[in-house]
């Protein structure tokens, strides 16, 4: 929804997350529910599981609004 990197005289203007306007949880089109499965394995990165479904939720919201599917993300084309 918001990704944009701007350049001035060849230098990127968004130096870090404080100057890059990325999609935040409050901007997502749907509520995302995360459930953790108990395991005897080591726990790590518990705050990240809600992030991957955001792109799919946004795609579904756009499809519901105008009938068009998003098949690629603009920043993925530069990877």
N, C-alpha and C. Protein backbone atom coordinates (compact mmCIF):
# COMPACT_ATOMS: atom_id res chain seq x y z
N UNK A 1 0.81 -1.19 0.00
CA UNK A 1 0.00 0.00 0.00
C UNK A 1 0.86 1.26 0.00
N UNK A 2 1.93 1.26 0.76
CA UNK A 2 2.71 2.47 0.92
C UNK A 2 4.15 2.40 0.42
N UNK A 3 4.68 1.25 0.01
CA UNK A 3 6.11 1.18 -0.27
C UNK A 3 6.55 2.19 -1.32
N UNK A 4 7.54 2.93 -0.98
CA UNK A 4 8.09 3.90 -1.92
C UNK A 4 9.50 4.25 -1.44
N UNK A 5 10.45 4.15 -2.34
CA UNK A 5 11.81 4.57 -2.03
C UNK A 5 12.13 5.70 -2.99
N UNK A 6 12.53 6.82 -2.44
CA UNK A 6 12.85 7.98 -3.27
C UNK A 6 14.34 8.26 -3.23
N UNK A 7 14.82 8.82 -4.35
CA UNK A 7 16.24 9.15 -4.49
C UNK A 7 16.38 10.64 -4.77
N UNK A 8 17.38 11.25 -4.17
CA UNK A 8 17.74 12.63 -4.47
C UNK A 8 19.24 12.63 -4.76
N UNK A 9 19.60 13.03 -5.96
CA UNK A 9 21.01 13.01 -6.38
C UNK A 9 21.64 11.64 -6.19
N UNK A 10 20.86 10.58 -6.45
CA UNK A 10 21.37 9.22 -6.36
C UNK A 10 21.39 8.63 -4.97
N UNK A 11 20.97 9.38 -3.95
CA UNK A 11 20.98 8.87 -2.57
C UNK A 11 19.55 8.54 -2.13
N UNK A 12 19.39 7.38 -1.48
CA UNK A 12 18.09 6.97 -0.95
C UNK A 12 17.72 7.89 0.20
N UNK A 13 16.48 8.37 0.20
CA UNK A 13 16.02 9.28 1.25
C UNK A 13 15.49 8.56 2.48
N UNK A 14 15.06 7.31 2.34
CA UNK A 14 14.56 6.54 3.47
C UNK A 14 15.72 5.74 4.06
N UNK A 15 16.31 6.27 5.12
CA UNK A 15 17.52 5.66 5.66
C UNK A 15 17.23 4.45 6.55
N UNK A 16 16.06 4.42 7.17
CA UNK A 16 15.74 3.35 8.10
C UNK A 16 14.23 3.29 8.27
N UNK A 17 13.75 2.46 9.18
CA UNK A 17 12.32 2.31 9.37
C UNK A 17 11.64 3.57 9.87
N UNK A 18 12.38 4.49 10.46
CA UNK A 18 11.75 5.73 10.94
C UNK A 18 11.42 6.68 9.79
N UNK A 19 12.01 6.48 8.62
CA UNK A 19 11.74 7.36 7.48
C UNK A 19 11.13 6.60 6.30
N UNK A 20 10.83 5.33 6.46
CA UNK A 20 10.21 4.52 5.41
C UNK A 20 8.79 4.20 5.83
N UNK A 21 7.81 4.59 5.04
CA UNK A 21 6.41 4.40 5.38
C UNK A 21 5.94 3.03 4.91
N UNK A 22 6.07 2.02 5.77
CA UNK A 22 5.65 0.67 5.41
C UNK A 22 4.30 0.36 6.05
N UNK A 23 3.64 -0.68 5.56
CA UNK A 23 2.34 -1.09 6.06
C UNK A 23 2.46 -1.51 7.52
N UNK A 24 1.60 -0.93 8.35
CA UNK A 24 1.59 -1.25 9.78
C UNK A 24 0.34 -2.06 10.09
N UNK A 25 0.35 -2.74 11.21
CA UNK A 25 -0.77 -3.60 11.58
C UNK A 25 -2.09 -2.83 11.58
N UNK A 26 -2.06 -1.56 12.02
CA UNK A 26 -3.31 -0.78 12.06
C UNK A 26 -3.86 -0.51 10.66
N UNK A 27 -3.05 -0.67 9.63
CA UNK A 27 -3.46 -0.41 8.26
C UNK A 27 -3.93 -1.67 7.53
N UNK A 28 -3.84 -2.82 8.15
CA UNK A 28 -4.23 -4.06 7.48
C UNK A 28 -5.75 -4.12 7.31
N UNK A 29 -6.22 -4.73 6.24
CA UNK A 29 -7.66 -4.74 5.95
C UNK A 29 -8.47 -5.70 6.82
N UNK A 30 -7.83 -6.64 7.48
CA UNK A 30 -8.55 -7.64 8.27
C UNK A 30 -7.87 -7.84 9.61
N UNK A 31 -8.63 -8.38 10.56
CA UNK A 31 -8.02 -8.80 11.81
C UNK A 31 -7.23 -10.07 11.55
N UNK A 32 -6.07 -10.17 12.15
CA UNK A 32 -5.23 -11.35 11.99
C UNK A 32 -5.11 -12.01 13.35
N UNK A 33 -5.45 -13.27 13.40
CA UNK A 33 -5.38 -14.02 14.65
C UNK A 33 -4.21 -14.99 14.57
N UNK A 34 -3.34 -14.91 15.56
CA UNK A 34 -2.17 -15.78 15.61
C UNK A 34 -2.31 -16.71 16.79
N UNK A 35 -2.12 -18.00 16.55
CA UNK A 35 -2.16 -18.99 17.62
C UNK A 35 -0.83 -19.72 17.63
N UNK A 36 -0.33 -19.98 18.80
CA UNK A 36 0.93 -20.70 18.94
C UNK A 36 0.67 -22.13 19.37
N UNK A 37 1.42 -23.04 18.80
CA UNK A 37 1.30 -24.46 19.11
C UNK A 37 2.37 -24.80 20.14
N UNK A 38 1.95 -25.44 21.21
CA UNK A 38 2.93 -25.83 22.22
C UNK A 38 3.90 -26.85 21.63
N UNK A 39 5.15 -26.69 21.99
CA UNK A 39 6.19 -27.56 21.45
C UNK A 39 7.34 -27.63 22.44
N UNK A 40 8.14 -28.66 22.34
CA UNK A 40 9.32 -28.75 23.19
C UNK A 40 10.55 -28.15 22.50
N UNK A 41 10.34 -27.58 21.33
CA UNK A 41 11.44 -26.93 20.61
C UNK A 41 11.67 -25.52 21.15
N UNK A 42 12.83 -24.98 20.90
CA UNK A 42 13.18 -23.64 21.37
C UNK A 42 12.26 -22.60 20.73
N UNK A 43 11.87 -21.61 21.51
CA UNK A 43 10.99 -20.55 21.04
C UNK A 43 11.82 -19.37 20.55
N UNK A 44 11.40 -18.79 19.41
CA UNK A 44 12.07 -17.61 18.90
C UNK A 44 11.17 -16.88 17.91
N UNK A 45 11.34 -15.57 17.81
CA UNK A 45 10.64 -14.73 16.85
C UNK A 45 9.12 -14.87 16.91
N UNK A 46 8.56 -14.84 18.10
CA UNK A 46 7.11 -15.00 18.23
C UNK A 46 6.31 -13.81 17.74
N UNK A 47 6.94 -12.66 17.52
CA UNK A 47 6.22 -11.50 17.05
C UNK A 47 6.06 -11.44 15.55
N UNK A 48 6.66 -12.34 14.81
CA UNK A 48 6.66 -12.25 13.35
C UNK A 48 5.60 -13.09 12.62
N UNK A 49 4.94 -14.07 13.24
CA UNK A 49 4.01 -14.90 12.47
C UNK A 49 2.84 -14.16 11.85
N UNK A 50 2.47 -12.99 12.37
CA UNK A 50 1.33 -12.27 11.82
C UNK A 50 1.69 -11.52 10.54
N UNK A 51 2.94 -11.35 10.24
CA UNK A 51 3.34 -10.54 9.07
C UNK A 51 3.05 -11.20 7.72
N UNK A 52 3.38 -12.46 7.47
CA UNK A 52 3.16 -13.03 6.13
C UNK A 52 1.73 -12.97 5.60
N UNK A 53 0.68 -13.12 6.44
CA UNK A 53 -0.67 -13.07 5.86
C UNK A 53 -1.14 -11.68 5.45
N UNK A 54 -0.41 -10.63 5.80
CA UNK A 54 -0.85 -9.27 5.50
C UNK A 54 -0.97 -9.06 3.99
N UNK A 55 0.02 -9.49 3.22
CA UNK A 55 -0.04 -9.30 1.76
C UNK A 55 -1.23 -10.04 1.17
N UNK A 56 -1.48 -11.26 1.63
CA UNK A 56 -2.63 -12.02 1.12
C UNK A 56 -3.94 -11.36 1.52
N UNK A 57 -4.04 -10.86 2.75
CA UNK A 57 -5.26 -10.19 3.19
C UNK A 57 -5.51 -8.93 2.37
N UNK A 58 -4.46 -8.19 2.10
CA UNK A 58 -4.58 -6.98 1.28
C UNK A 58 -5.02 -7.34 -0.14
N UNK A 59 -4.44 -8.40 -0.71
CA UNK A 59 -4.83 -8.84 -2.04
C UNK A 59 -6.31 -9.21 -2.07
N UNK A 60 -6.78 -9.93 -1.07
CA UNK A 60 -8.19 -10.33 -1.03
C UNK A 60 -9.10 -9.11 -0.91
N UNK A 61 -8.68 -8.10 -0.13
CA UNK A 61 -9.48 -6.88 0.01
C UNK A 61 -9.55 -6.13 -1.32
N UNK A 62 -8.43 -6.05 -2.04
CA UNK A 62 -8.43 -5.39 -3.35
C UNK A 62 -9.31 -6.16 -4.33
N UNK A 63 -9.22 -7.48 -4.30
CA UNK A 63 -10.04 -8.31 -5.19
C UNK A 63 -11.53 -8.12 -4.88
N UNK A 64 -11.88 -8.05 -3.61
CA UNK A 64 -13.27 -7.85 -3.22
C UNK A 64 -13.77 -6.47 -3.68
N UNK A 65 -12.88 -5.50 -3.71
CA UNK A 65 -13.26 -4.14 -4.08
C UNK A 65 -13.38 -3.94 -5.59
N UNK A 66 -12.45 -4.53 -6.36
CA UNK A 66 -12.46 -4.24 -7.80
C UNK A 66 -12.34 -5.46 -8.72
N UNK A 67 -12.26 -6.66 -8.15
CA UNK A 67 -12.20 -7.87 -8.97
C UNK A 67 -10.85 -8.17 -9.59
N UNK A 68 -9.80 -7.42 -9.22
CA UNK A 68 -8.47 -7.65 -9.77
C UNK A 68 -7.56 -8.26 -8.72
N UNK A 69 -6.79 -9.26 -9.13
CA UNK A 69 -5.83 -9.91 -8.24
C UNK A 69 -4.46 -9.27 -8.38
N UNK A 70 -3.74 -9.17 -7.29
CA UNK A 70 -2.37 -8.70 -7.30
C UNK A 70 -1.49 -9.96 -7.38
N UNK A 71 -0.72 -10.09 -8.44
CA UNK A 71 0.09 -11.29 -8.64
C UNK A 71 1.57 -11.10 -8.33
N UNK A 72 1.99 -9.85 -8.13
CA UNK A 72 3.37 -9.61 -7.75
C UNK A 72 3.42 -8.33 -6.92
N UNK A 73 4.42 -8.24 -6.08
CA UNK A 73 4.60 -7.06 -5.25
C UNK A 73 5.65 -6.18 -5.89
N UNK A 74 5.47 -4.86 -5.85
CA UNK A 74 6.38 -4.00 -6.58
C UNK A 74 7.83 -4.11 -6.11
N UNK A 75 8.06 -4.29 -4.83
CA UNK A 75 9.44 -4.37 -4.35
C UNK A 75 10.06 -5.73 -4.65
N UNK A 76 9.27 -6.77 -4.87
CA UNK A 76 9.80 -8.10 -5.16
C UNK A 76 10.45 -8.16 -6.54
N UNK A 77 10.02 -7.29 -7.44
CA UNK A 77 10.57 -7.29 -8.79
C UNK A 77 12.04 -6.82 -8.79
N UNK A 78 12.45 -6.10 -7.75
CA UNK A 78 13.82 -5.58 -7.70
C UNK A 78 14.78 -6.52 -6.98
N UNK A 79 14.26 -7.62 -6.44
CA UNK A 79 15.14 -8.54 -5.71
C UNK A 79 15.97 -9.39 -6.65
